[in-house]
Amino acid sequence: MNTEIREILEQVEKGALSVDDALLAIKKEPFVELGYAKIDMQRKTRQGAAEVIYGAGKTAEQIAGISKAMMEAGQDVILITRMSPEKAEIVGKEVPLKYHKDAGIGIIGELPVPKVSGKIVVATGGTSDVPVAEEAALTAEVLGNEVVRLYDVGVAGLHRLLAHMDEIMSAQVIIAIAGMEGALASVIGGLADCPVIAVPTSVGYGASFQGLSALLSMLNSCASGVSVVNIDNGFGAGYLASMMNHMKK
């Protein structure tokens, strides 16, 4: 909230924005009523990031309607998560959508140029974890971060991870994504000097219990500085990593 209001006040100070226009920007309508959705138009002012559209459970027509309302309100970049290819095809006929099938992510608008110097590393145990990783990586990029992807660097071949120590040690935040036994987060947590966000995935054989085994392993990590989000929650990890990366020192 403070960041956007500060930008408005700085524009007033420079004479680029009148007092009345600044007041209007701060007092703009708090939400847009569409009947099936109330779009929070002040979320970026409050939290620094605009509302994200969760595509699962919504019809393609609802997603398109919400997207149009956000575009009309001046939203530059719109992120849509958990959207099926079928819905993306329909929505893409209504708005200029870029769809990333592996991640189930739709993006309207151009990715912003990162305004922070810190890098977010997204690492996966295996290739099967990439869909969740791409959800995290694209979320972080939409929120204005530089992302480094390290895929298929799991503990079954630890040398693959150790070959990327420069990227690990230079990261501001690391997102460690793994299924099976979820050991990757602990290993990275023992190597890195930055916060590690662990994401358990539902990848694995029967005894992994659709990601529960990885979740419990990550929650019980002996490495300090490891936090855990829910199973397959790439979006939550990408959002949290962005908040950490944008914190003022």
C-alpha atoms as a PDB file:
ATOM      1  CA  MET A   1       0.000   0.000   0.000  1.00  0.00           C
ATOM      2  CA  ASN A   2       2.709   2.460   0.999  1.00  0.00           C
ATOM      3  CA  THR A   3       4.646   1.960  -2.238  1.00  0.00           C
ATOM      4  CA  GLU A   4       1.819   2.942  -4.585  1.00  0.00           C
ATOM      5  CA  ILE A   5       0.689   5.888  -2.435  1.00  0.00           C
ATOM      6  CA  ARG A   6       4.286   7.077  -2.221  1.00  0.00           C
ATOM      7  CA  GLU A   7       4.532   6.963  -6.034  1.00  0.00           C
ATOM      8  CA  ILE A   8       1.365   9.057  -6.295  1.00  0.00           C
ATOM      9  CA  LEU A   9       2.685  11.614  -3.799  1.00  0.00           C
ATOM     10  CA  GLU A  10       6.042  11.784  -5.589  1.00  0.00           C
ATOM     11  CA  GLN A  11       4.217  12.568  -8.847  1.00  0.00           C
ATOM     12  CA  VAL A  12       2.383  15.392  -7.063  1.00  0.00           C
ATOM     13  CA  GLU A  13       5.686  16.708  -5.713  1.00  0.00           C
ATOM     14  CA  LYS A  14       7.190  16.704  -9.213  1.00  0.00           C
ATOM     15  CA  GLY A  15       4.141  18.447 -10.646  1.00  0.00           C
ATOM     16  CA  ALA A  16       3.290  15.481 -12.856  1.00  0.00           C
ATOM     17  CA  LEU A  17      -0.039  14.920 -11.096  1.00  0.00           C
ATOM     18  CA  SER A  18      -2.523  17.413  -9.672  1.00  0.00           C
ATOM     19  CA  VAL A  19      -3.737  17.200  -6.084  1.00  0.00           C
ATOM     20  CA  ASP A  20      -7.283  16.454  -7.275  1.00  0.00           C
ATOM     21  CA  ASP A  21      -6.119  13.638  -9.569  1.00  0.00           C
ATOM     22  CA  ALA A  22      -3.983  12.204  -6.770  1.00  0.00           C
ATOM     23  CA  LEU A  23      -6.954  12.268  -4.403  1.00  0.00           C
ATOM     24  CA  LEU A  24      -9.075  10.525  -7.017  1.00  0.00           C
ATOM     25  CA  ALA A  25      -6.435   7.829  -7.497  1.00  0.00           C
ATOM     26  CA  ILE A  26      -6.289   7.137  -3.771  1.00  0.00           C
ATOM     27  CA  LYS A  27     -10.067   7.181  -3.331  1.00  0.00           C
ATOM     28  CA  LYS A  28     -10.908   5.164  -6.438  1.00  0.00           C
ATOM     29  CA  GLU A  29     -13.769   2.712  -6.233  1.00  0.00           C
ATOM     30  CA  PRO A  30     -12.737  -0.079  -3.825  1.00  0.00           C
ATOM     31  CA  PHE A  31     -14.266  -2.885  -5.900  1.00  0.00           C
ATOM     32  CA  VAL A  32     -16.116  -3.528  -9.137  1.00  0.00           C
ATOM     33  CA  GLU A  33     -19.390  -5.434  -8.855  1.00  0.00           C
ATOM     34  CA  LEU A  34     -19.999  -7.957 -11.632  1.00  0.00           C
ATOM     35  CA  GLY A  35     -22.702  -9.970  -9.916  1.00  0.00           C
ATOM     36  CA  TYR A  36     -20.667 -13.177  -9.926  1.00  0.00           C
ATOM     37  CA  ALA A  37     -17.514 -11.434  -8.661  1.00  0.00           C
ATOM     38  CA  LYS A  38     -16.442  -8.389  -6.650  1.00  0.00           C
ATOM     39  CA  ILE A  39     -13.050  -7.362  -8.013  1.00  0.00           C
ATOM     40  CA  ASP A  40     -10.807  -5.806  -5.369  1.00  0.00           C
ATOM     41  CA  MET A  41      -9.433  -2.762  -7.189  1.00  0.00           C
ATOM     42  CA  GLN A  42      -7.475  -1.459  -4.181  1.00  0.00           C
ATOM     43  CA  ARG A  43      -5.500  -4.603  -3.481  1.00  0.00           C
ATOM     44  CA  LYS A  44      -2.395  -3.309  -5.239  1.00  0.00           C
ATOM     45  CA  THR A  45      -2.595  -0.117  -3.190  1.00  0.00           C
ATOM     46  CA  ARG A  46      -2.922  -2.101   0.037  1.00  0.00           C
ATOM     47  CA  GLN A  47      -0.586  -4.999  -0.643  1.00  0.00           C
ATOM     48  CA  GLY A  48       1.627  -4.016  -3.552  1.00  0.00           C
ATOM     49  CA  ALA A  49       0.190  -6.581  -5.980  1.00  0.00           C
ATOM     50  CA  ALA A  50      -3.109  -6.604  -7.838  1.00  0.00           C
ATOM     51  CA  GLU A  51      -5.757  -9.282  -7.422  1.00  0.00           C
ATOM     52  CA  VAL A  52      -4.989 -12.583  -9.143  1.00  0.00           C
ATOM     53  CA  ILE A  53      -7.719 -14.547 -10.931  1.00  0.00           C
ATOM     54  CA  TYR A  54      -8.035 -18.143  -9.733  1.00  0.00           C
ATOM     55  CA  GLY A  55      -9.275 -19.965 -12.810  1.00  0.00           C
ATOM     56  CA  ALA A  56     -10.348 -23.311 -11.333  1.00  0.00           C
ATOM     57  CA  GLY A  57     -14.081 -23.381 -10.637  1.00  0.00           C
ATOM     58  CA  LYS A  58     -14.783 -20.318 -12.791  1.00  0.00           C
ATOM     59  CA  THR A  59     -16.271 -20.497 -16.261  1.00  0.00           C
ATOM     60  CA  ALA A  60     -14.346 -19.143 -19.221  1.00  0.00           C
ATOM     61  CA  GLU A  61     -16.979 -16.403 -19.545  1.00  0.00           C
ATOM     62  CA  GLN A  62     -16.452 -15.363 -15.924  1.00  0.00           C
ATOM     63  CA  ILE A  63     -12.681 -15.288 -16.333  1.00  0.00           C
ATOM     64  CA  ALA A  64     -13.015 -13.153 -19.466  1.00  0.00           C
ATOM     65  CA  GLY A  65     -15.459 -10.793 -17.740  1.00  0.00           C
ATOM     66  CA  ILE A  66     -13.205 -10.299 -14.732  1.00  0.00           C
ATOM     67  CA  SER A  67     -10.184  -9.779 -16.991  1.00  0.00           C
ATOM     68  CA  LYS A  68     -11.973  -7.141 -19.048  1.00  0.00           C
ATOM     69  CA  ALA A  69     -13.059  -5.262 -15.928  1.00  0.00           C
ATOM     70  CA  MET A  70      -9.486  -5.237 -14.623  1.00  0.00           C
ATOM     71  CA  MET A  71      -8.159  -4.045 -17.972  1.00  0.00           C
ATOM     72  CA  GLU A  72     -10.736  -1.237 -18.079  1.00  0.00           C
ATOM     73  CA  ALA A  73      -9.624  -0.193 -14.589  1.00  0.00           C
ATOM     74  CA  GLY A  74      -6.063   0.218 -15.874  1.00  0.00           C
ATOM     75  CA  GLN A  75      -4.457  -3.002 -14.668  1.00  0.00           C
ATOM     76  CA  ASP A  76      -1.281  -3.449 -16.745  1.00  0.00           C
ATOM     77  CA  VAL A  77      -0.595  -7.114 -16.073  1.00  0.00           C
ATOM     78  CA  ILE A  78      -3.209  -9.701 -15.116  1.00  0.00           C
ATOM     79  CA  LEU A  79      -2.340 -13.154 -13.799  1.00  0.00           C
ATOM     80  CA  ILE A  80      -4.755 -16.075 -14.138  1.00  0.00           C
ATOM     81  CA  THR A  81      -3.855 -19.315 -12.346  1.00  0.00           C
ATOM     82  CA  ARG A  82      -5.155 -22.885 -12.616  1.00  0.00           C
ATOM     83  CA  MET A  83      -6.748 -22.375 -16.009  1.00  0.00           C
ATOM     84  CA  SER A  84      -7.398 -25.310 -18.339  1.00  0.00           C
ATOM     85  CA  PRO A  85      -6.440 -25.227 -22.032  1.00  0.00           C
ATOM     86  CA  GLU A  86     -10.151 -25.348 -22.955  1.00  0.00           C
ATOM     87  CA  LYS A  87     -10.908 -22.237 -20.921  1.00  0.00           C
ATOM     88  CA  ALA A  88      -7.785 -20.510 -22.204  1.00  0.00           C
ATOM     89  CA  GLU A  89      -8.902 -21.026 -25.797  1.00  0.00           C
ATOM     90  CA  ILE A  90     -12.239 -19.330 -25.099  1.00  0.00           C
ATOM     91  CA  VAL A  91     -10.782 -16.519 -22.972  1.00  0.00           C
ATOM     92  CA  GLY A  92      -8.104 -15.883 -25.588  1.00  0.00           C
ATOM     93  CA  LYS A  93     -10.796 -14.913 -28.078  1.00  0.00           C
ATOM     94  CA  GLU A  94     -11.982 -12.145 -25.736  1.00  0.00           C
ATOM     95  CA  VAL A  95      -8.724 -10.725 -24.364  1.00  0.00           C
ATOM     96  CA  PRO A  96      -5.026 -10.720 -25.439  1.00  0.00           C
ATOM     97  CA  LEU A  97      -4.045 -13.797 -23.432  1.00  0.00           C
ATOM     98  CA  LYS A  98      -0.678 -15.547 -23.331  1.00  0.00           C
ATOM     99  CA  TYR A  99      -1.245 -19.075 -22.082  1.00  0.00           C
ATOM    100  CA  HIS A 100       1.413 -21.290 -20.506  1.00  0.00           C
ATOM    101  CA  LYS A 101      -0.003 -24.799 -20.706  1.00  0.00           C
ATOM    102  CA  ASP A 102       2.513 -26.557 -18.434  1.00  0.00           C
ATOM    103  CA  ALA A 103       1.781 -24.166 -15.581  1.00  0.00           C
ATOM    104  CA  GLY A 104      -1.922 -23.640 -16.292  1.00  0.00           C
ATOM    105  CA  ILE A 105      -1.122 -19.918 -16.211  1.00  0.00           C
ATOM    106  CA  GLY A 106      -2.623 -17.155 -18.335  1.00  0.00           C
ATOM    107  CA  ILE A 107      -1.027 -13.708 -18.535  1.00  0.00           C
ATOM    108  CA  ILE A 108      -2.535 -10.562 -20.008  1.00  0.00           C
ATOM    109  CA  GLY A 109      -0.032  -7.775 -20.645  1.00  0.00           C
ATOM    110  CA  GLU A 110       3.751  -7.699 -20.752  1.00  0.00           C
ATOM    111  CA  LEU A 111       5.959  -8.932 -17.942  1.00  0.00           C
ATOM    112  CA  PRO A 112       7.343  -5.968 -15.992  1.00  0.00           C
ATOM    113  CA  VAL A 113      11.033  -5.159 -15.916  1.00  0.00           C
ATOM    114  CA  PRO A 114      12.351  -6.196 -12.480  1.00  0.00           C
ATOM    115  CA  LYS A 115      12.882  -3.206 -10.195  1.00  0.00           C
ATOM    116  CA  VAL A 116      14.831  -5.125  -7.555  1.00  0.00           C
ATOM    117  CA  SER A 117      18.332  -6.533  -7.888  1.00  0.00           C
ATOM    118  CA  GLY A 118      17.692  -9.740  -5.981  1.00  0.00           C
ATOM    119  CA  LYS A 119      17.129 -12.997  -7.825  1.00  0.00           C
ATOM    120  CA  ILE A 120      14.647 -15.748  -7.038  1.00  0.00           C
ATOM    121  CA  VAL A 121      15.888 -19.270  -7.759  1.00  0.00           C
ATOM    122  CA  VAL A 122      13.256 -21.901  -8.515  1.00  0.00           C
ATOM    123  CA  ALA A 123      14.655 -25.430  -8.152  1.00  0.00           C
ATOM    124  CA  THR A 124      12.920 -28.772  -8.693  1.00  0.00           C
ATOM    125  CA  GLY A 125      13.754 -32.281  -7.642  1.00  0.00           C
ATOM    126  CA  GLY A 126      12.646 -33.708 -10.988  1.00  0.00           C
ATOM    127  CA  THR A 127      11.105 -32.865 -14.340  1.00  0.00           C
ATOM    128  CA  SER A 128       7.730 -34.051 -13.062  1.00  0.00           C
ATOM    129  CA  ASP A 129       7.732 -31.089 -10.650  1.00  0.00           C
ATOM    130  CA  VAL A 130       8.102 -28.528 -13.455  1.00  0.00           C
ATOM    131  CA  PRO A 131       4.376 -27.645 -13.780  1.00  0.00           C
ATOM    132  CA  VAL A 132       4.307 -26.479 -10.143  1.00  0.00           C
ATOM    133  CA  ALA A 133       7.688 -24.791 -10.607  1.00  0.00           C
ATOM    134  CA  GLU A 134       6.495 -22.879 -13.661  1.00  0.00           C
ATOM    135  CA  GLU A 135       3.456 -21.664 -11.714  1.00  0.00           C
ATOM    136  CA  ALA A 136       5.845 -20.314  -9.077  1.00  0.00           C
ATOM    137  CA  ALA A 137       8.325 -18.863 -11.572  1.00  0.00           C
ATOM    138  CA  LEU A 138       5.723 -17.125 -13.740  1.00  0.00           C
ATOM    139  CA  THR A 139       3.976 -15.723 -10.674  1.00  0.00           C
ATOM    140  CA  ALA A 140       7.255 -14.234  -9.479  1.00  0.00           C
ATOM    141  CA  GLU A 141       7.990 -12.789 -12.925  1.00  0.00           C
ATOM    142  CA  VAL A 142       4.549 -11.194 -13.192  1.00  0.00           C
ATOM    143  CA  LEU A 143       5.239  -9.563  -9.818  1.00  0.00           C
ATOM    144  CA  GLY A 144       8.454  -8.004 -11.110  1.00  0.00           C
ATOM    145  CA  ASN A 145      11.265 -10.390 -10.184  1.00  0.00           C
ATOM    146  CA  GLU A 146      14.195 -11.929 -12.021  1.00  0.00           C
ATOM    147  CA  VAL A 147      13.870 -15.712 -11.849  1.00  0.00           C
ATOM    148  CA  VAL A 148      16.561 -18.345 -12.307  1.00  0.00           C
ATOM    149  CA  ARG A 149      15.286 -21.851 -13.079  1.00  0.00           C
ATOM    150  CA  LEU A 150      17.194 -24.934 -11.898  1.00  0.00           C
ATOM    151  CA  TYR A 151      15.161 -27.957 -12.950  1.00  0.00           C
ATOM    152  CA  ASP A 152      15.818 -31.653 -12.291  1.00  0.00           C
ATOM    153  CA  VAL A 153      18.471 -31.166  -9.608  1.00  0.00           C
ATOM    154  CA  GLY A 154      17.090 -33.612  -7.041  1.00  0.00           C
ATOM    155  CA  VAL A 155      18.931 -35.626  -4.426  1.00  0.00           C
ATOM    156  CA  ALA A 156      18.992 -38.797  -6.550  1.00  0.00           C
ATOM    157  CA  GLY A 157      21.910 -37.107  -8.314  1.00  0.00           C
ATOM    158  CA  LEU A 158      23.204 -34.528  -5.851  1.00  0.00           C
ATOM    159  CA  HIS A 159      26.082 -33.500  -8.130  1.00  0.00           C
ATOM    160  CA  ARG A 160      23.507 -31.835 -10.420  1.00  0.00           C
ATOM    161  CA  LEU A 161      22.562 -29.416  -7.646  1.00  0.00           C
ATOM    162  CA  LEU A 162      26.137 -28.811  -6.510  1.00  0.00           C
ATOM    163  CA  ALA A 163      27.044 -27.779 -10.061  1.00  0.00           C
ATOM    164  CA  HIS A 164      24.872 -24.682  -9.516  1.00  0.00           C
ATOM    165  CA  MET A 165      26.348 -23.347  -6.277  1.00  0.00           C
ATOM    166  CA  ASP A 166      26.921 -19.897  -7.785  1.00  0.00           C
ATOM    167  CA  GLU A 167      23.206 -19.490  -8.480  1.00  0.00           C
ATOM    168  CA  ILE A 168      22.268 -20.877  -5.061  1.00  0.00           C
ATOM    169  CA  MET A 169      24.647 -18.633  -3.120  1.00  0.00           C
ATOM    170  CA  SER A 170      23.703 -15.490  -5.065  1.00  0.00           C
ATOM    171  CA  ALA A 171      19.938 -15.909  -4.629  1.00  0.00           C
ATOM    172  CA  GLN A 172      17.815 -13.597  -2.514  1.00  0.00           C
ATOM    173  CA  VAL A 173      15.141 -16.290  -2.087  1.00  0.00           C
ATOM    174  CA  ILE A 174      15.032 -19.933  -3.184  1.00  0.00           C
ATOM    175  CA  ILE A 175      11.903 -21.945  -3.937  1.00  0.00           C
ATOM    176  CA  ALA A 176      12.613 -25.673  -3.559  1.00  0.00           C
ATOM    177  CA  ILE A 177       9.979 -27.864  -5.212  1.00  0.00           C
ATOM    178  CA  ALA A 178       9.904 -31.629  -4.824  1.00  0.00           C
ATOM    179  CA  GLY A 179       7.661 -34.648  -4.476  1.00  0.00           C
ATOM    180  CA  MET A 180       8.595 -38.175  -3.373  1.00  0.00           C
ATOM    181  CA  GLU A 181      10.348 -37.734   0.010  1.00  0.00           C
ATOM    182  CA  GLY A 182      10.801 -33.946  -0.420  1.00  0.00           C
ATOM    183  CA  ALA A 183      14.466 -33.960   0.604  1.00  0.00           C
ATOM    184  CA  LEU A 184      15.528 -31.202  -1.791  1.00  0.00           C
ATOM    185  CA  ALA A 185      14.364 -28.412   0.531  1.00  0.00           C
ATOM    186  CA  SER A 186      16.526 -29.621   3.423  1.00  0.00           C
ATOM    187  CA  VAL A 187      19.588 -29.990   1.206  1.00  0.00           C
ATOM    188  CA  ILE A 188      19.213 -26.502  -0.259  1.00  0.00           C
ATOM    189  CA  GLY A 189      18.414 -25.109   3.186  1.00  0.00           C
ATOM    190  CA  GLY A 190      21.744 -26.472   4.391  1.00  0.00           C
ATOM    191  CA  LEU A 191      23.640 -24.817   1.540  1.00  0.00           C
ATOM    192  CA  ALA A 192      22.011 -21.394   1.089  1.00  0.00           C
ATOM    193  CA  ASP A 193      22.282 -18.243   3.193  1.00  0.00           C
ATOM    194  CA  CYS A 194      18.846 -16.961   2.150  1.00  0.00           C
ATOM    195  CA  PRO A 195      15.236 -17.955   2.950  1.00  0.00           C
ATOM    196  CA  VAL A 196      14.072 -21.208   1.348  1.00  0.00           C
ATOM    197  CA  ILE A 197      10.412 -21.739   0.511  1.00  0.00           C
ATOM    198  CA  ALA A 198       9.609 -25.445   0.228  1.00  0.00           C
ATOM    199  CA  VAL A 199       6.810 -26.647  -2.029  1.00  0.00           C
ATOM    200  CA  PRO A 200       5.775 -30.300  -1.716  1.00  0.00           C
ATOM    201  CA  THR A 201       4.259 -31.741  -4.875  1.00  0.00           C
ATOM    202  CA  SER A 202       1.832 -34.592  -5.408  1.00  0.00           C
ATOM    203  CA  VAL A 203       4.443 -36.400  -7.515  1.00  0.00           C
ATOM    204  CA  GLY A 204       5.372 -39.871  -6.285  1.00  0.00           C
ATOM    205  CA  TYR A 205       4.319 -43.463  -5.825  1.00  0.00           C
ATOM    206  CA  GLY A 206       1.509 -44.714  -3.572  1.00  0.00           C
ATOM    207  CA  ALA A 207       3.198 -44.230  -0.208  1.00  0.00           C
ATOM    208  CA  SER A 208       3.806 -40.563  -1.003  1.00  0.00           C
ATOM    209  CA  PHE A 209       0.063 -40.067  -0.416  1.00  0.00           C
ATOM    210  CA  GLN A 210      -0.363 -37.420  -3.137  1.00  0.00           C
ATOM    211  CA  GLY A 211       2.297 -35.149  -1.625  1.00  0.00           C
ATOM    212  CA  LEU A 212       1.577 -35.660   2.069  1.00  0.00           C
ATOM    213  CA  SER A 213       4.871 -37.484   2.582  1.00  0.00           C
ATOM    214  CA  ALA A 214       6.844 -34.611   1.039  1.00  0.00           C
ATOM    215  CA  LEU A 215       4.821 -32.081   3.043  1.00  0.00           C
ATOM    216  CA  LEU A 216       5.609 -33.776   6.355  1.00  0.00           C
ATOM    217  CA  SER A 217       9.286 -34.156   5.432  1.00  0.00           C
ATOM    218  CA  MET A 218       9.576 -30.472   4.601  1.00  0.00           C
ATOM    219  CA  LEU A 219       7.756 -29.448   7.786  1.00  0.00           C
ATOM    220  CA  ASN A 220      10.248 -31.557   9.741  1.00  0.00           C
ATOM    221  CA  SER A 221      13.312 -30.182   7.939  1.00  0.00           C
ATOM    222  CA  CYS A 222      16.399 -29.959  10.135  1.00  0.00           C
ATOM    223  CA  ALA A 223      17.740 -27.065   8.037  1.00  0.00           C
ATOM    224  CA  SER A 224      17.133 -23.605   9.457  1.00  0.00           C
ATOM    225  CA  GLY A 225      15.371 -20.969   7.357  1.00  0.00           C
ATOM    226  CA  VAL A 226      13.027 -23.329   5.518  1.00  0.00           C
ATOM    227  CA  SER A 227       9.338 -22.430   5.360  1.00  0.00           C
ATOM    228  CA  VAL A 228       6.656 -24.573   3.719  1.00  0.00           C
ATOM    229  CA  VAL A 229       3.559 -23.852   1.631  1.00  0.00           C
ATOM    230  CA  ASN A 230       0.774 -26.246   0.745  1.00  0.00           C
ATOM    231  CA  ILE A 231       0.996 -29.187  -1.655  1.00  0.00           C
ATOM    232  CA  ASP A 232       1.372 -28.074  -5.303  1.00  0.00           C
ATOM    233  CA  ASN A 233       1.017 -24.399  -4.279  1.00  0.00           C
ATOM    234  CA  GLY A 234       3.460 -22.893  -6.754  1.00  0.00           C
ATOM    235  CA  PHE A 235       1.506 -19.639  -6.822  1.00  0.00           C
ATOM    236  CA  GLY A 236       1.750 -19.192  -3.060  1.00  0.00           C
ATOM    237  CA  ALA A 237       5.485 -19.812  -3.135  1.00  0.00           C
ATOM    238  CA  GLY A 238       6.068 -17.397  -6.013  1.00  0.00           C
ATOM    239  CA  TYR A 239       4.005 -14.688  -4.327  1.00  0.00           C
ATOM    240  CA  LEU A 240       5.760 -15.088  -0.966  1.00  0.00           C
ATOM    241  CA  ALA A 241       9.186 -15.121  -2.615  1.00  0.00           C
ATOM    242  CA  SER A 242       8.314 -11.870  -4.383  1.00  0.00           C
ATOM    243  CA  MET A 243       7.309 -10.227  -1.103  1.00  0.00           C
ATOM    244  CA  MET A 244      10.638 -11.265   0.438  1.00  0.00           C
ATOM    245  CA  ASN A 245      12.592 -10.061  -2.582  1.00  0.00           C
ATOM    246  CA  HIS A 246      10.890  -6.654  -2.481  1.00  0.00           C
ATOM    247  CA  MET A 247      11.474  -6.006   1.210  1.00  0.00           C
ATOM    248  CA  LYS A 248      13.453  -2.829   1.796  1.00  0.00           C
ATOM    249  CA  LYS A 249      16.777  -3.322   3.530  1.00  0.00           C
END
